C-alpha atoms as a PDB file:
ATOM      1  CA  MET A   1       0.000   0.000   0.000  1.00  0.00           C
ATOM      2  CA  SER A   2       1.224   3.420  -0.905  1.00  0.00           C
ATOM      3  CA  MET A   3       2.185   5.898   1.770  1.00  0.00           C
ATOM      4  CA  ILE A   4       2.113   8.818  -0.660  1.00  0.00           C
ATOM      5  CA  MET A   5       0.429  11.773   0.966  1.00  0.00           C
ATOM      6  CA  HIS A   6      -3.074  12.793  -0.031  1.00  0.00           C
ATOM      7  CA  LEU A   7      -3.483  16.558  -0.061  1.00  0.00           C
ATOM      8  CA  ALA A   8      -6.940  17.685   1.017  1.00  0.00           C
ATOM      9  CA  GLN A   9      -7.804  21.223  -0.016  1.00  0.00           C
ATOM     10  CA  GLY A  10      -8.540  23.446   2.949  1.00  0.00           C
ATOM     11  CA  LYS A  11     -11.810  25.301   3.286  1.00  0.00           C
ATOM     12  CA  PRO A  12     -11.669  29.082   2.726  1.00  0.00           C
ATOM     13  CA  GLY A  13      -9.423  30.597   5.367  1.00  0.00           C
ATOM     14  CA  GLN A  14      -7.802  27.249   6.233  1.00  0.00           C
ATOM     15  CA  SER A  15      -4.578  25.779   4.933  1.00  0.00           C
ATOM     16  CA  ALA A  16      -4.427  22.456   3.093  1.00  0.00           C
ATOM     17  CA  VAL A  17      -3.863  19.350   5.229  1.00  0.00           C
ATOM     18  CA  SER A  18      -2.092  16.192   4.106  1.00  0.00           C
ATOM     19  CA  TYR A  19      -2.983  12.660   5.192  1.00  0.00           C
ATOM     20  CA  PRO A  20      -1.399   9.301   4.366  1.00  0.00           C
ATOM     21  CA  HIS A  21      -3.381   7.651   1.607  1.00  0.00           C
ATOM     22  CA  TYR A  22      -3.651   4.034   0.614  1.00  0.00           C
ATOM     23  CA  HIS A  23      -4.028   2.324  -2.739  1.00  0.00           C
ATOM     24  CA  ILE A  24      -7.320   0.427  -2.667  1.00  0.00           C
ATOM     25  CA  GLU A  25      -9.221  -1.149  -5.529  1.00  0.00           C
ATOM     26  CA  ARG A  26     -12.733  -1.734  -4.315  1.00  0.00           C
ATOM     27  CA  PRO A  27     -16.119  -1.395  -6.005  1.00  0.00           C
ATOM     28  CA  CYS A  28     -18.282   1.387  -4.637  1.00  0.00           C
ATOM     29  CA  ARG A  29     -21.374   3.379  -5.482  1.00  0.00           C
ATOM     30  CA  ILE A  30     -22.051   7.081  -5.673  1.00  0.00           C
ATOM     31  CA  LEU A  31     -25.444   7.839  -4.151  1.00  0.00           C
ATOM     32  CA  VAL A  32     -27.103  11.025  -5.386  1.00  0.00           C
ATOM     33  CA  ILE A  33     -29.827  12.353  -3.103  1.00  0.00           C
ATOM     34  CA  GLY A  34     -33.075  13.612  -4.592  1.00  0.00           C
ATOM     35  CA  SER A  35     -35.746  15.902  -3.231  1.00  0.00           C
ATOM     36  CA  GLN A  36     -36.844  15.463   0.386  1.00  0.00           C
ATOM     37  CA  LEU A  37     -33.619  13.523   1.106  1.00  0.00           C
ATOM     38  CA  LYS A  38     -34.749  10.396  -0.752  1.00  0.00           C
ATOM     39  CA  ALA A  39     -32.247   8.277  -2.657  1.00  0.00           C
ATOM     40  CA  LYS A  40     -32.417   9.275  -6.291  1.00  0.00           C
ATOM     41  CA  THR A  41     -29.715   7.468  -8.251  1.00  0.00           C
ATOM     42  CA  LYS A  42     -26.767   5.129  -7.658  1.00  0.00           C
ATOM     43  CA  TYR A  43     -23.772   5.050  -9.981  1.00  0.00           C
ATOM     44  CA  GLN A  44     -21.128   2.336 -10.009  1.00  0.00           C
ATOM     45  CA  ALA A  45     -17.547   3.469  -9.389  1.00  0.00           C
ATOM     46  CA  LEU A  46     -14.174   2.065  -8.369  1.00  0.00           C
ATOM     47  CA  LEU A  47     -12.351   3.297  -5.278  1.00  0.00           C
ATOM     48  CA  ARG A  48      -8.650   3.764  -6.170  1.00  0.00           C
ATOM     49  CA  HIS A  49      -7.067   5.675  -3.268  1.00  0.00           C
ATOM     50  CA  ILE A  50      -8.366   6.652   0.162  1.00  0.00           C
ATOM     51  CA  SER A  51      -7.270   8.620   3.213  1.00  0.00           C
ATOM     52  CA  ILE A  52      -9.172   9.778   6.275  1.00  0.00           C
ATOM     53  CA  GLY A  53      -9.858  13.051   4.435  1.00  0.00           C
ATOM     54  CA  GLY A  54     -10.788  12.010   0.898  1.00  0.00           C
ATOM     55  CA  ALA A  55     -10.557   9.555  -1.945  1.00  0.00           C
ATOM     56  CA  MET A  56      -9.911   9.130  -5.644  1.00  0.00           C
ATOM     57  CA  LEU A  57     -12.540   7.255  -7.655  1.00  0.00           C
ATOM     58  CA  ASP A  58     -12.932   6.044 -11.218  1.00  0.00           C
ATOM     59  CA  VAL A  59     -16.399   6.798 -12.549  1.00  0.00           C
ATOM     60  CA  ASN A  60     -17.952   6.976 -16.009  1.00  0.00           C
ATOM     61  CA  ALA A  61     -16.852  10.339 -17.439  1.00  0.00           C
ATOM     62  CA  ALA A  62     -20.270  10.882 -19.059  1.00  0.00           C
ATOM     63  CA  ILE A  63     -22.114  10.894 -15.713  1.00  0.00           C
ATOM     64  CA  LEU A  64     -22.997  14.352 -14.425  1.00  0.00           C
ATOM     65  CA  LEU A  65     -22.815  14.557 -10.635  1.00  0.00           C
ATOM     66  CA  PRO A  66     -23.822  17.230  -8.150  1.00  0.00           C
ATOM     67  CA  LYS A  67     -21.127  18.841  -6.003  1.00  0.00           C
ATOM     68  CA  HIS A  68     -22.248  16.831  -2.919  1.00  0.00           C
ATOM     69  CA  PHE A  69     -23.238  13.154  -2.703  1.00  0.00           C
ATOM     70  CA  PHE A  70     -22.694  10.002  -0.638  1.00  0.00           C
ATOM     71  CA  LEU A  71     -20.216   7.178  -1.191  1.00  0.00           C
ATOM     72  CA  GLU A  72     -21.007   3.531  -0.366  1.00  0.00           C
ATOM     73  CA  ILE A  73     -18.058   1.120  -0.340  1.00  0.00           C
ATOM     74  CA  ASP A  74     -18.762  -2.578  -0.994  1.00  0.00           C
ATOM     75  CA  GLY A  75     -18.733  -4.544   2.248  1.00  0.00           C
ATOM     76  CA  PHE A  76     -19.558  -1.536   4.452  1.00  0.00           C
ATOM     77  CA  LYS A  77     -22.947  -0.190   5.464  1.00  0.00           C
ATOM     78  CA  GLU A  78     -21.743   3.383   6.018  1.00  0.00           C
ATOM     79  CA  GLU A  79     -22.740   6.165   3.616  1.00  0.00           C
ATOM     80  CA  ILE A  80     -19.902   8.694   3.504  1.00  0.00           C
ATOM     81  CA  GLY A  81     -20.777  12.305   2.722  1.00  0.00           C
ATOM     82  CA  CYS A  82     -18.509  13.711  -0.012  1.00  0.00           C
ATOM     83  CA  ALA A  83     -17.839  16.846  -2.024  1.00  0.00           C
ATOM     84  CA  GLU A  84     -16.188  16.808  -5.438  1.00  0.00           C
ATOM     85  CA  VAL A  85     -12.848  18.639  -5.461  1.00  0.00           C
ATOM     86  CA  HIS A  86     -11.335  17.393  -8.730  1.00  0.00           C
ATOM     87  CA  ARG A  87     -12.598  15.778 -11.899  1.00  0.00           C
ATOM     88  CA  SER A  88     -10.657  14.892 -15.014  1.00  0.00           C
ATOM     89  CA  GLY A  89     -12.270  12.415 -17.381  1.00  0.00           C
ATOM     90  CA  ALA A  90     -13.056   9.273 -15.373  1.00  0.00           C
ATOM     91  CA  GLU A  91     -10.941  10.411 -12.393  1.00  0.00           C
ATOM     92  CA  LEU A  92     -12.971  11.909  -9.547  1.00  0.00           C
ATOM     93  CA  GLY A  93     -11.328  13.336  -6.427  1.00  0.00           C
ATOM     94  CA  VAL A  94     -13.542  13.803  -3.375  1.00  0.00           C
ATOM     95  CA  ARG A  95     -13.156  15.326   0.075  1.00  0.00           C
ATOM     96  CA  PHE A  96     -15.137  13.701   2.868  1.00  0.00           C
ATOM     97  CA  ASN A  97     -17.493  15.970   4.788  1.00  0.00           C
ATOM     98  CA  MET A  98     -16.052  14.535   8.020  1.00  0.00           C
ATOM     99  CA  LEU A  99     -12.751  12.759   8.586  1.00  0.00           C
ATOM    100  CA  LEU A 100     -13.112   8.972   8.490  1.00  0.00           C
ATOM    101  CA  ALA A 101     -12.635   7.140  11.758  1.00  0.00           C
ATOM    102  CA  GLN A 102      -9.231   5.430  11.815  1.00  0.00           C
ATOM    103  CA  ASP A 103     -10.847   2.080  12.705  1.00  0.00           C
ATOM    104  CA  PHE A 104     -13.040   2.283   9.565  1.00  0.00           C
ATOM    105  CA  LEU A 105      -9.981   2.939   7.405  1.00  0.00           C
ATOM    106  CA  SER A 106      -8.092   0.110   9.140  1.00  0.00           C
ATOM    107  CA  ARG A 107     -10.950  -2.351   8.449  1.00  0.00           C
ATOM    108  CA  LEU A 108     -11.003  -1.324   4.790  1.00  0.00           C
ATOM    109  CA  ILE A 109      -7.237  -1.800   4.449  1.00  0.00           C
ATOM    110  CA  ARG A 110      -7.415  -5.180   6.224  1.00  0.00           C
ATOM    111  CA  ILE A 111     -10.167  -6.399   3.892  1.00  0.00           C
ATOM    112  CA  GLN A 112      -8.177  -5.223   0.870  1.00  0.00           C
ATOM    113  CA  PHE A 113      -5.026  -6.943   2.133  1.00  0.00           C
ATOM    114  CA  SER A 114      -6.806 -10.215   2.983  1.00  0.00           C
ATOM    115  CA  SER A 115      -8.499 -10.341  -0.443  1.00  0.00           C
ATOM    116  CA  GLY A 116      -5.082 -10.349  -2.103  1.00  0.00           C
ATOM    117  CA  LEU A 117      -5.943  -7.594  -4.567  1.00  0.00           C
END
């Protein structure tokens, strides 16, 4: 797993923060919320890199997404609030609305390691 640093853009008035990120290849879904907070649409994606502050996904370049959405990672019941910070073709960089708990990230890394991918 890579220990390259993931640079999360700071909010206005805050400096950028860097977190260790990990190479993960895991199917996931982008959940777009519709009116009255009801699930509207799910799009398939592939989680490529993750840190406690954000992630890099591969998603169909033709899909138009709102600035904010939820991320569901296969094997986990959590829905992670995200905001798009970078998009180039199929590459989608997101910042999590809240930092991930270290135990969640550890479980994800353990599952990735034990699957041999």
